[in-house]
Amino acid sequence: MTILPILSLLVACAQLGQMSVLDIEHQRVAQNAKTYDEHNKLVDYYDNLAKETASKLTEMKGLLKNYEDHSYYYGRGGQDFQSHTVANIRYYEQATKDAEKHAGFHRQVAAELLNREYAKPAESRDQPNNAQIKAKMSSDSGDLNESVIKAQ
């Protein structure tokens, strides 16, 4: 009977460390995100993270209810299980809020980037862009001066 609570406690602790490492990695990616697609991928990541942490939160609340309803199963260690589960519940509540906040931020940035893309004038393939014109002018500066002089 005591194996199940100990096993669930170990599983809960193991998942806390794994999420921290992944979150640090995604923070680095988030700091370097510049395009709509990169921010959109981060929105998906943080939405999935929020769903996962909400699911873990529900699981922890179920464990806490079990500890409270059947405290006589757990003996003296039951209070430790309860306090640890309460701490995990606080952690997962905060993690869910943070993930939702990050998803909202990246969703907003992605929407702004998308609006900027739609606001840009479309360049046709026949028309050279400004960088091509400047490069042509710098490479053909002698020819350009001669054509300007001839035109005058």
C-alpha atoms as a PDB file:
ATOM      1  CA  MET A   1       0.000   0.000   0.000  1.00  0.00           C
ATOM      2  CA  THR A   2       2.855   2.455   0.650  1.00  0.00           C
ATOM      3  CA  ILE A   3       4.524   1.823  -2.699  1.00  0.00           C
ATOM      4  CA  LEU A   4       1.903   3.702  -4.736  1.00  0.00           C
ATOM      5  CA  PRO A   5       2.260   7.051  -2.903  1.00  0.00           C
ATOM      6  CA  ILE A   6       6.044   6.862  -2.968  1.00  0.00           C
ATOM      7  CA  LEU A   7       6.044   6.036  -6.671  1.00  0.00           C
ATOM      8  CA  SER A   8       3.685   8.916  -7.492  1.00  0.00           C
ATOM      9  CA  LEU A   9       5.868  11.261  -5.442  1.00  0.00           C
ATOM     10  CA  LEU A  10       8.993  10.233  -7.353  1.00  0.00           C
ATOM     11  CA  VAL A  11       7.272  10.653 -10.714  1.00  0.00           C
ATOM     12  CA  ALA A  12       6.069  14.147  -9.782  1.00  0.00           C
ATOM     13  CA  CYS A  13       9.545  15.232  -8.661  1.00  0.00           C
ATOM     14  CA  ALA A  14      11.242  13.850 -11.777  1.00  0.00           C
ATOM     15  CA  GLN A  15       8.990  15.848 -14.083  1.00  0.00           C
ATOM     16  CA  LEU A  16       9.673  19.139 -12.328  1.00  0.00           C
ATOM     17  CA  GLY A  17      13.374  19.059 -13.236  1.00  0.00           C
ATOM     18  CA  GLN A  18      12.768  18.119 -16.847  1.00  0.00           C
ATOM     19  CA  MET A  19      10.427  21.041 -17.452  1.00  0.00           C
ATOM     20  CA  SER A  20      12.949  23.541 -16.065  1.00  0.00           C
ATOM     21  CA  VAL A  21      15.635  22.467 -18.523  1.00  0.00           C
ATOM     22  CA  LEU A  22      13.265  22.663 -21.491  1.00  0.00           C
ATOM     23  CA  ASP A  23      11.987  26.055 -20.394  1.00  0.00           C
ATOM     24  CA  ILE A  24      15.527  27.499 -20.234  1.00  0.00           C
ATOM     25  CA  GLU A  25      16.216  26.232 -23.752  1.00  0.00           C
ATOM     26  CA  HIS A  26      12.999  27.777 -25.075  1.00  0.00           C
ATOM     27  CA  GLN A  27      13.787  31.067 -23.336  1.00  0.00           C
ATOM     28  CA  ARG A  28      16.962  31.280 -25.420  1.00  0.00           C
ATOM     29  CA  VAL A  29      14.976  30.514 -28.566  1.00  0.00           C
ATOM     30  CA  ALA A  30      12.369  33.116 -27.591  1.00  0.00           C
ATOM     31  CA  GLN A  31      15.017  35.798 -27.139  1.00  0.00           C
ATOM     32  CA  ASN A  32      16.334  35.163 -30.653  1.00  0.00           C
ATOM     33  CA  ALA A  33      12.918  34.871 -32.346  1.00  0.00           C
ATOM     34  CA  LYS A  34      12.480  37.505 -35.030  1.00  0.00           C
ATOM     35  CA  THR A  35      10.010  36.204 -37.594  1.00  0.00           C
ATOM     36  CA  TYR A  36       6.301  35.468 -37.568  1.00  0.00           C
ATOM     37  CA  ASP A  37       6.936  31.729 -37.960  1.00  0.00           C
ATOM     38  CA  GLU A  38       9.371  31.612 -35.025  1.00  0.00           C
ATOM     39  CA  HIS A  39       6.919  33.414 -32.737  1.00  0.00           C
ATOM     40  CA  ASN A  40       4.062  31.237 -33.974  1.00  0.00           C
ATOM     41  CA  LYS A  41       6.056  28.102 -33.087  1.00  0.00           C
ATOM     42  CA  LEU A  42       6.677  29.541 -29.631  1.00  0.00           C
ATOM     43  CA  VAL A  43       2.925  30.152 -29.254  1.00  0.00           C
ATOM     44  CA  ASP A  44       2.314  26.478 -30.040  1.00  0.00           C
ATOM     45  CA  TYR A  45       5.023  25.406 -27.594  1.00  0.00           C
ATOM     46  CA  TYR A  46       3.691  27.532 -24.739  1.00  0.00           C
ATOM     47  CA  ASP A  47       0.081  26.511 -25.449  1.00  0.00           C
ATOM     48  CA  ASN A  48       1.110  22.845 -25.255  1.00  0.00           C
ATOM     49  CA  LEU A  49       3.102  23.531 -22.100  1.00  0.00           C
ATOM     50  CA  ALA A  50       0.072  25.205 -20.520  1.00  0.00           C
ATOM     51  CA  LYS A  51      -2.089  22.182 -21.384  1.00  0.00           C
ATOM     52  CA  GLU A  52       0.488  19.774 -19.929  1.00  0.00           C
ATOM     53  CA  THR A  53       0.897  21.729 -16.707  1.00  0.00           C
ATOM     54  CA  ALA A  54      -2.885  22.073 -16.352  1.00  0.00           C
ATOM     55  CA  SER A  55      -3.172  18.301 -16.744  1.00  0.00           C
ATOM     56  CA  LYS A  56      -0.475  17.769 -14.089  1.00  0.00           C
ATOM     57  CA  LEU A  57      -2.280  20.261 -11.871  1.00  0.00           C
ATOM     58  CA  THR A  58      -5.482  18.235 -12.138  1.00  0.00           C
ATOM     59  CA  GLU A  59      -3.538  15.075 -11.343  1.00  0.00           C
ATOM     60  CA  MET A  60      -1.920  16.669  -8.273  1.00  0.00           C
ATOM     61  CA  LYS A  61      -5.295  17.907  -7.017  1.00  0.00           C
ATOM     62  CA  GLY A  62      -6.607  14.341  -7.335  1.00  0.00           C
ATOM     63  CA  LEU A  63      -3.639  13.032  -5.351  1.00  0.00           C
ATOM     64  CA  LEU A  64      -4.187  15.648  -2.664  1.00  0.00           C
ATOM     65  CA  LYS A  65      -7.846  14.699  -2.384  1.00  0.00           C
ATOM     66  CA  ASN A  66      -6.814  11.056  -2.066  1.00  0.00           C
ATOM     67  CA  TYR A  67      -4.288  11.925   0.660  1.00  0.00           C
ATOM     68  CA  GLU A  68      -6.897  13.927   2.551  1.00  0.00           C
ATOM     69  CA  ASP A  69      -9.691  11.369   2.171  1.00  0.00           C
ATOM     70  CA  HIS A  70      -7.546   8.352   3.036  1.00  0.00           C
ATOM     71  CA  SER A  71      -4.900   9.738   5.336  1.00  0.00           C
ATOM     72  CA  TYR A  72      -5.027   6.546   7.411  1.00  0.00           C
ATOM     73  CA  TYR A  73      -3.415   4.657   4.475  1.00  0.00           C
ATOM     74  CA  TYR A  74      -0.273   6.730   4.628  1.00  0.00           C
ATOM     75  CA  GLY A  75       0.536   6.754   8.330  1.00  0.00           C
ATOM     76  CA  ARG A  76       3.023   9.293   9.631  1.00  0.00           C
ATOM     77  CA  GLY A  77       4.330  10.123   6.159  1.00  0.00           C
ATOM     78  CA  GLY A  78       0.881  11.183   4.979  1.00  0.00           C
ATOM     79  CA  GLN A  79       1.393  14.786   6.052  1.00  0.00           C
ATOM     80  CA  ASP A  80       4.653  14.916   4.120  1.00  0.00           C
ATOM     81  CA  PHE A  81       2.879  13.627   1.017  1.00  0.00           C
ATOM     82  CA  GLN A  82       0.160  16.220   1.474  1.00  0.00           C
ATOM     83  CA  SER A  83       2.544  19.142   1.937  1.00  0.00           C
ATOM     84  CA  HIS A  84       4.658  18.054  -1.017  1.00  0.00           C
ATOM     85  CA  THR A  85       1.564  17.730  -3.188  1.00  0.00           C
ATOM     86  CA  VAL A  86       0.370  21.183  -2.111  1.00  0.00           C
ATOM     87  CA  ALA A  87       3.771  22.574  -3.131  1.00  0.00           C
ATOM     88  CA  ASN A  88       3.497  20.810  -6.486  1.00  0.00           C
ATOM     89  CA  ILE A  89       0.010  22.254  -6.959  1.00  0.00           C
ATOM     90  CA  ARG A  90       1.360  25.775  -6.384  1.00  0.00           C
ATOM     91  CA  TYR A  91       4.203  25.089  -8.812  1.00  0.00           C
ATOM     92  CA  TYR A  92       1.902  23.799 -11.561  1.00  0.00           C
ATOM     93  CA  GLU A  93      -0.561  26.669 -11.056  1.00  0.00           C
ATOM     94  CA  GLN A  94       2.255  29.176 -11.503  1.00  0.00           C
ATOM     95  CA  ALA A  95       3.739  27.245 -14.436  1.00  0.00           C
ATOM     96  CA  THR A  96       0.352  27.206 -16.175  1.00  0.00           C
ATOM     97  CA  LYS A  97      -0.089  30.956 -15.669  1.00  0.00           C
ATOM     98  CA  ASP A  98       3.440  31.643 -16.924  1.00  0.00           C
ATOM     99  CA  ALA A  99       2.989  29.475 -20.004  1.00  0.00           C
ATOM    100  CA  GLU A 100      -0.307  31.177 -20.831  1.00  0.00           C
ATOM    101  CA  LYS A 101       1.324  34.590 -20.350  1.00  0.00           C
ATOM    102  CA  HIS A 102       4.241  33.678 -22.650  1.00  0.00           C
ATOM    103  CA  ALA A 103       1.868  32.246 -25.261  1.00  0.00           C
ATOM    104  CA  GLY A 104      -0.173  35.459 -25.180  1.00  0.00           C
ATOM    105  CA  PHE A 105       2.940  37.590 -25.575  1.00  0.00           C
ATOM    106  CA  HIS A 106       4.265  35.612 -28.536  1.00  0.00           C
ATOM    107  CA  ARG A 107       0.777  35.503 -30.069  1.00  0.00           C
ATOM    108  CA  GLN A 108       0.665  39.305 -29.901  1.00  0.00           C
ATOM    109  CA  VAL A 109       4.155  39.695 -31.393  1.00  0.00           C
ATOM    110  CA  ALA A 110       3.329  37.217 -34.171  1.00  0.00           C
ATOM    111  CA  ALA A 111       0.148  39.140 -34.990  1.00  0.00           C
ATOM    112  CA  GLU A 112       2.082  42.421 -35.155  1.00  0.00           C
ATOM    113  CA  LEU A 113       4.711  40.862 -37.420  1.00  0.00           C
ATOM    114  CA  LEU A 114       1.986  39.451 -39.652  1.00  0.00           C
ATOM    115  CA  ASN A 115       0.343  42.881 -39.890  1.00  0.00           C
ATOM    116  CA  ARG A 116       3.685  44.415 -40.867  1.00  0.00           C
ATOM    117  CA  GLU A 117       4.112  41.818 -43.603  1.00  0.00           C
ATOM    118  CA  TYR A 118       0.663  42.633 -45.002  1.00  0.00           C
ATOM    119  CA  ALA A 119       1.378  46.372 -44.755  1.00  0.00           C
ATOM    120  CA  LYS A 120       4.519  46.106 -46.902  1.00  0.00           C
ATOM    121  CA  PRO A 121       4.027  46.935 -50.562  1.00  0.00           C
ATOM    122  CA  ALA A 122       4.344  43.879 -52.720  1.00  0.00           C
ATOM    123  CA  GLU A 123       7.349  43.948 -54.993  1.00  0.00           C
ATOM    124  CA  SER A 124       6.979  42.321 -58.320  1.00  0.00           C
ATOM    125  CA  ARG A 125       9.715  40.138 -59.752  1.00  0.00           C
ATOM    126  CA  ASP A 126      10.243  42.565 -62.628  1.00  0.00           C
ATOM    127  CA  GLN A 127      10.932  45.500 -60.351  1.00  0.00           C
ATOM    128  CA  PRO A 128      14.305  45.486 -58.609  1.00  0.00           C
ATOM    129  CA  ASN A 129      14.262  46.204 -54.892  1.00  0.00           C
ATOM    130  CA  ASN A 130      16.191  49.062 -53.247  1.00  0.00           C
ATOM    131  CA  ALA A 131      19.212  46.898 -52.389  1.00  0.00           C
ATOM    132  CA  GLN A 132      19.548  45.804 -56.009  1.00  0.00           C
ATOM    133  CA  ILE A 133      19.302  49.406 -57.231  1.00  0.00           C
ATOM    134  CA  LYS A 134      21.963  50.597 -54.761  1.00  0.00           C
ATOM    135  CA  ALA A 135      24.276  47.724 -55.710  1.00  0.00           C
ATOM    136  CA  LYS A 136      23.838  48.499 -59.399  1.00  0.00           C
ATOM    137  CA  MET A 137      24.469  52.178 -58.797  1.00  0.00           C
ATOM    138  CA  SER A 138      27.660  51.538 -56.837  1.00  0.00           C
ATOM    139  CA  SER A 139      29.010  49.046 -59.380  1.00  0.00           C
ATOM    140  CA  ASP A 140      28.066  51.140 -62.369  1.00  0.00           C
ATOM    141  CA  SER A 141      28.769  54.557 -60.851  1.00  0.00           C
ATOM    142  CA  GLY A 142      30.934  55.580 -63.787  1.00  0.00           C
ATOM    143  CA  ASP A 143      28.311  54.517 -66.334  1.00  0.00           C
ATOM    144  CA  LEU A 144      25.570  56.213 -64.316  1.00  0.00           C
ATOM    145  CA  ASN A 145      27.453  59.529 -64.237  1.00  0.00           C
ATOM    146  CA  GLU A 146      28.026  59.362 -67.974  1.00  0.00           C
ATOM    147  CA  SER A 147      24.352  58.676 -68.689  1.00  0.00           C
ATOM    148  CA  VAL A 148      23.326  61.578 -66.398  1.00  0.00           C
ATOM    149  CA  ILE A 149      25.763  63.894 -68.201  1.00  0.00           C
ATOM    150  CA  LYS A 150      24.532  62.767 -71.637  1.00  0.00           C
ATOM    151  CA  ALA A 151      20.926  63.316 -70.605  1.00  0.00           C
ATOM    152  CA  GLN A 152      21.659  66.921 -69.622  1.00  0.00           C
END
